């Protein structure tokens, strides 16, 4: 897979992940800054590192499954591996400027 193809696939995955909403905040995980990294390996496997608003979030399992399903729906992604992490801890300042304005941060 060429570098530009990999970048296109990463962009497509991030775009697809915008439909996954944090159930508490009602905003997508990408704009909230909860998708830390998206990488694509040569074999088409996507590795995604994400977080939730708090450690022990009751929606963590649902969100992880939703991220995996959305990523795997992207043409060219053979499988998605999703890692949930709390390093660094999520803060509202990680969200886009537009989302921060919604929350008056």
Foldseek 3Di string as FASTA:
>chain_A
DDPVVFVVLQVQLLVLQQVQADVVLRGGQVQQLFFPDWGADPQQEIETEGEHQDPVPPCVVVSQVSSFVSSCVRPSHPGYDYHYDCVPPRDSVSGHPVVCVVVVD
